[in-house]
Amino acid sequence: MKRSSAQLLLVTALVFGESTMMAVPIDTALVNGERLYRNYCQRCHGTNGEGSFNILRSDVWAKQPTDLVKVIAFGARGPSSSGKGYHRAMPPAPYNDAEIAQVAMYAMQTIGRREVVLSEAEVRRTRQLHLDSIQRKIKSRR
């Protein structure tokens, strides 16, 4: 009797313990986004956006998340947001659509302090719309 009670208690503990661990899902998109940010973006923007190219004061955090997607996918250039008069240039990130969605979600959450959800399909659509827009501008100049 004691042995079966102990076995029942052990099985119950294992099942209960496993179910509580499963109740707290790990957001793999944000984990991957953090890894991607640290591997590529952090060298210029720092851990929290205050690096040599400070992006905390950027207005991209208040805009649509797809605006950040365009910056990550196509890069950026122009006057600095700090008003110091120098120009900035950010190369496009070497990421596929799924990775851009992940790093954008991570950056929006940790630096921009906004909860957003982006899918690979949204990134793909944003890229295509931006490319179409550029092609229309080129054609209109001819």
C-alpha atoms as a PDB file:
ATOM      1  CA  MET A   1       0.000   0.000   0.000  1.00  0.00           C
ATOM      2  CA  LYS A   2       2.768   2.426   0.866  1.00  0.00           C
ATOM      3  CA  ARG A   3       4.587   1.676  -2.384  1.00  0.00           C
ATOM      4  CA  SER A   4       1.535   2.301  -4.593  1.00  0.00           C
ATOM      5  CA  SER A   5       0.754   5.527  -2.723  1.00  0.00           C
ATOM      6  CA  ALA A   6       4.300   6.729  -3.275  1.00  0.00           C
ATOM      7  CA  GLN A   7       4.115   5.826  -6.956  1.00  0.00           C
ATOM      8  CA  LEU A   8       0.790   7.619  -7.309  1.00  0.00           C
ATOM      9  CA  LEU A   9       2.227  10.662  -5.574  1.00  0.00           C
ATOM     10  CA  LEU A  10       5.278  10.624  -7.871  1.00  0.00           C
ATOM     11  CA  VAL A  11       3.168  10.273 -11.025  1.00  0.00           C
ATOM     12  CA  THR A  12       0.848  13.046  -9.854  1.00  0.00           C
ATOM     13  CA  ALA A  13       3.797  15.330  -9.149  1.00  0.00           C
ATOM     14  CA  LEU A  14       5.322  14.648 -12.552  1.00  0.00           C
ATOM     15  CA  VAL A  15       2.070  15.231 -14.388  1.00  0.00           C
ATOM     16  CA  PHE A  16       1.225  18.343 -12.402  1.00  0.00           C
ATOM     17  CA  GLY A  17       4.744  19.714 -12.711  1.00  0.00           C
ATOM     18  CA  GLU A  18       4.798  19.155 -16.462  1.00  0.00           C
ATOM     19  CA  SER A  19       1.402  20.755 -16.942  1.00  0.00           C
ATOM     20  CA  THR A  20       2.420  23.879 -15.031  1.00  0.00           C
ATOM     21  CA  MET A  21       5.585  24.167 -17.087  1.00  0.00           C
ATOM     22  CA  MET A  22       3.535  23.920 -20.261  1.00  0.00           C
ATOM     23  CA  ALA A  23       1.183  26.648 -19.003  1.00  0.00           C
ATOM     24  CA  VAL A  24       3.938  29.266 -19.400  1.00  0.00           C
ATOM     25  CA  PRO A  25       4.770  29.215 -23.100  1.00  0.00           C
ATOM     26  CA  ILE A  26       8.083  30.520 -24.289  1.00  0.00           C
ATOM     27  CA  ASP A  27       7.587  33.036 -27.057  1.00  0.00           C
ATOM     28  CA  THR A  28      10.107  31.691 -29.529  1.00  0.00           C
ATOM     29  CA  ALA A  29       9.571  34.644 -31.871  1.00  0.00           C
ATOM     30  CA  LEU A  30      10.780  37.074 -29.197  1.00  0.00           C
ATOM     31  CA  VAL A  31      13.629  34.790 -28.136  1.00  0.00           C
ATOM     32  CA  ASN A  32      14.750  34.561 -31.764  1.00  0.00           C
ATOM     33  CA  GLY A  33      14.203  38.297 -32.209  1.00  0.00           C
ATOM     34  CA  GLU A  34      16.471  39.039 -29.267  1.00  0.00           C
ATOM     35  CA  ARG A  35      19.161  36.743 -30.675  1.00  0.00           C
ATOM     36  CA  LEU A  36      18.931  38.434 -34.088  1.00  0.00           C
ATOM     37  CA  TYR A  37      19.035  41.912 -32.531  1.00  0.00           C
ATOM     38  CA  ARG A  38      22.082  41.049 -30.444  1.00  0.00           C
ATOM     39  CA  ASN A  39      23.907  39.464 -33.406  1.00  0.00           C
ATOM     40  CA  TYR A  40      23.403  42.340 -35.841  1.00  0.00           C
ATOM     41  CA  CYS A  41      21.635  45.448 -34.556  1.00  0.00           C
ATOM     42  CA  GLN A  42      23.239  45.769 -31.135  1.00  0.00           C
ATOM     43  CA  ARG A  43      26.668  46.682 -32.489  1.00  0.00           C
ATOM     44  CA  CYS A  44      25.345  50.102 -33.567  1.00  0.00           C
ATOM     45  CA  HIS A  45      22.175  50.552 -31.524  1.00  0.00           C
ATOM     46  CA  GLY A  46      23.337  49.088 -28.224  1.00  0.00           C
ATOM     47  CA  THR A  47      21.463  46.743 -25.948  1.00  0.00           C
ATOM     48  CA  ASN A  48      18.546  49.084 -25.341  1.00  0.00           C
ATOM     49  CA  GLY A  49      18.654  51.424 -28.343  1.00  0.00           C
ATOM     50  CA  GLU A  50      21.060  53.963 -26.842  1.00  0.00           C
ATOM     51  CA  GLY A  51      24.142  52.933 -28.816  1.00  0.00           C
ATOM     52  CA  SER A  52      26.249  55.098 -31.094  1.00  0.00           C
ATOM     53  CA  PHE A  53      23.154  55.410 -33.280  1.00  0.00           C
ATOM     54  CA  ASN A  54      20.557  56.194 -30.622  1.00  0.00           C
ATOM     55  CA  ILE A  55      17.151  55.023 -31.814  1.00  0.00           C
ATOM     56  CA  LEU A  56      15.241  55.797 -28.629  1.00  0.00           C
ATOM     57  CA  ARG A  57      14.248  59.240 -29.897  1.00  0.00           C
ATOM     58  CA  SER A  58      13.177  57.916 -33.275  1.00  0.00           C
ATOM     59  CA  ASP A  59       9.547  58.416 -34.218  1.00  0.00           C
ATOM     60  CA  VAL A  60       9.409  54.911 -35.720  1.00  0.00           C
ATOM     61  CA  TRP A  61       8.163  53.556 -32.390  1.00  0.00           C
ATOM     62  CA  ALA A  62       4.945  55.594 -32.644  1.00  0.00           C
ATOM     63  CA  LYS A  63       4.300  54.623 -36.256  1.00  0.00           C
ATOM     64  CA  GLN A  64       2.927  51.446 -37.733  1.00  0.00           C
ATOM     65  CA  PRO A  65       5.126  48.389 -37.109  1.00  0.00           C
ATOM     66  CA  THR A  66       5.443  48.008 -40.882  1.00  0.00           C
ATOM     67  CA  ASP A  67       7.457  51.250 -40.934  1.00  0.00           C
ATOM     68  CA  LEU A  68      10.071  49.569 -38.754  1.00  0.00           C
ATOM     69  CA  VAL A  69       9.911  46.535 -41.051  1.00  0.00           C
ATOM     70  CA  LYS A  70      10.823  48.782 -44.009  1.00  0.00           C
ATOM     71  CA  VAL A  71      13.790  50.242 -42.123  1.00  0.00           C
ATOM     72  CA  ILE A  72      15.070  46.783 -41.193  1.00  0.00           C
ATOM     73  CA  ALA A  73      14.464  45.308 -44.653  1.00  0.00           C
ATOM     74  CA  PHE A  74      15.695  48.212 -46.796  1.00  0.00           C
ATOM     75  CA  GLY A  75      17.943  50.199 -44.487  1.00  0.00           C
ATOM     76  CA  ALA A  76      17.735  53.929 -43.844  1.00  0.00           C
ATOM     77  CA  ARG A  77      19.616  57.090 -44.600  1.00  0.00           C
ATOM     78  CA  GLY A  78      19.165  60.780 -44.036  1.00  0.00           C
ATOM     79  CA  PRO A  79      19.645  63.415 -41.355  1.00  0.00           C
ATOM     80  CA  SER A  80      20.139  62.210 -37.812  1.00  0.00           C
ATOM     81  CA  SER A  81      17.191  62.264 -35.448  1.00  0.00           C
ATOM     82  CA  SER A  82      19.360  64.023 -32.850  1.00  0.00           C
ATOM     83  CA  GLY A  83      19.700  67.150 -34.991  1.00  0.00           C
ATOM     84  CA  LYS A  84      23.507  67.061 -34.938  1.00  0.00           C
ATOM     85  CA  GLY A  85      23.633  67.625 -38.672  1.00  0.00           C
ATOM     86  CA  TYR A  86      25.403  64.427 -39.678  1.00  0.00           C
ATOM     87  CA  HIS A  87      23.773  61.900 -41.915  1.00  0.00           C
ATOM     88  CA  ARG A  88      23.082  58.378 -40.894  1.00  0.00           C
ATOM     89  CA  ALA A  89      23.068  55.317 -43.044  1.00  0.00           C
ATOM     90  CA  MET A  90      21.842  51.929 -41.957  1.00  0.00           C
ATOM     91  CA  PRO A  91      22.322  48.991 -44.281  1.00  0.00           C
ATOM     92  CA  PRO A  92      19.505  46.516 -44.818  1.00  0.00           C
ATOM     93  CA  ALA A  93      19.584  43.674 -42.317  1.00  0.00           C
ATOM     94  CA  PRO A  94      20.607  40.332 -43.816  1.00  0.00           C
ATOM     95  CA  TYR A  95      17.431  38.629 -42.637  1.00  0.00           C
ATOM     96  CA  ASN A  96      14.611  36.747 -44.313  1.00  0.00           C
ATOM     97  CA  ASP A  97      10.972  37.746 -43.793  1.00  0.00           C
ATOM     98  CA  ALA A  98      10.430  35.534 -40.736  1.00  0.00           C
ATOM     99  CA  GLU A  99      13.574  36.882 -39.078  1.00  0.00           C
ATOM    100  CA  ILE A 100      12.599  40.495 -39.822  1.00  0.00           C
ATOM    101  CA  ALA A 101       9.213  39.871 -38.193  1.00  0.00           C
ATOM    102  CA  GLN A 102      10.941  38.460 -35.114  1.00  0.00           C
ATOM    103  CA  VAL A 103      13.533  41.202 -34.700  1.00  0.00           C
ATOM    104  CA  ALA A 104      10.913  43.919 -35.331  1.00  0.00           C
ATOM    105  CA  MET A 105       8.611  42.450 -32.677  1.00  0.00           C
ATOM    106  CA  TYR A 106      11.501  42.226 -30.229  1.00  0.00           C
ATOM    107  CA  ALA A 107      12.606  45.817 -30.898  1.00  0.00           C
ATOM    108  CA  MET A 108       9.063  47.179 -30.714  1.00  0.00           C
ATOM    109  CA  GLN A 109       8.516  45.447 -27.382  1.00  0.00           C
ATOM    110  CA  THR A 110      11.850  46.151 -25.688  1.00  0.00           C
ATOM    111  CA  ILE A 111      12.853  49.514 -27.160  1.00  0.00           C
ATOM    112  CA  GLY A 112       9.575  50.930 -28.417  1.00  0.00           C
ATOM    113  CA  ARG A 113       7.599  49.625 -25.430  1.00  0.00           C
ATOM    114  CA  ARG A 114       4.732  48.435 -27.626  1.00  0.00           C
ATOM    115  CA  GLU A 115       3.261  44.980 -27.900  1.00  0.00           C
ATOM    116  CA  VAL A 116       2.970  44.125 -31.589  1.00  0.00           C
ATOM    117  CA  VAL A 117       2.572  40.935 -33.537  1.00  0.00           C
ATOM    118  CA  LEU A 118       4.040  40.643 -37.019  1.00  0.00           C
ATOM    119  CA  SER A 119       3.915  37.652 -39.303  1.00  0.00           C
ATOM    120  CA  GLU A 120       6.237  36.543 -42.042  1.00  0.00           C
ATOM    121  CA  ALA A 121       3.397  37.185 -44.511  1.00  0.00           C
ATOM    122  CA  GLU A 122       3.020  40.792 -43.281  1.00  0.00           C
ATOM    123  CA  VAL A 123       6.732  41.390 -43.770  1.00  0.00           C
ATOM    124  CA  ARG A 124       6.593  39.871 -47.258  1.00  0.00           C
ATOM    125  CA  ARG A 125       3.593  42.059 -48.151  1.00  0.00           C
ATOM    126  CA  THR A 126       5.294  45.177 -46.724  1.00  0.00           C
ATOM    127  CA  ARG A 127       8.438  44.490 -48.747  1.00  0.00           C
ATOM    128  CA  GLN A 128       6.424  43.992 -51.935  1.00  0.00           C
ATOM    129  CA  LEU A 129       4.326  47.135 -51.416  1.00  0.00           C
ATOM    130  CA  HIS A 130       7.486  49.165 -50.808  1.00  0.00           C
ATOM    131  CA  LEU A 131       9.183  47.771 -53.912  1.00  0.00           C
ATOM    132  CA  ASP A 132       6.047  48.463 -55.972  1.00  0.00           C
ATOM    133  CA  SER A 133       6.022  52.036 -54.668  1.00  0.00           C
ATOM    134  CA  ILE A 134       9.651  52.537 -55.689  1.00  0.00           C
ATOM    135  CA  GLN A 135       8.975  51.122 -59.154  1.00  0.00           C
ATOM    136  CA  ARG A 136       6.027  53.503 -59.624  1.00  0.00           C
ATOM    137  CA  LYS A 137       8.222  56.465 -58.631  1.00  0.00           C
ATOM    138  CA  ILE A 138      10.902  55.393 -61.099  1.00  0.00           C
ATOM    139  CA  LYS A 139       8.378  54.997 -63.914  1.00  0.00           C
ATOM    140  CA  SER A 140       6.801  58.377 -63.205  1.00  0.00           C
ATOM    141  CA  ARG A 141      10.184  60.089 -63.596  1.00  0.00           C
ATOM    142  CA  ARG A 142      10.697  58.734 -67.096  1.00  0.00           C
END
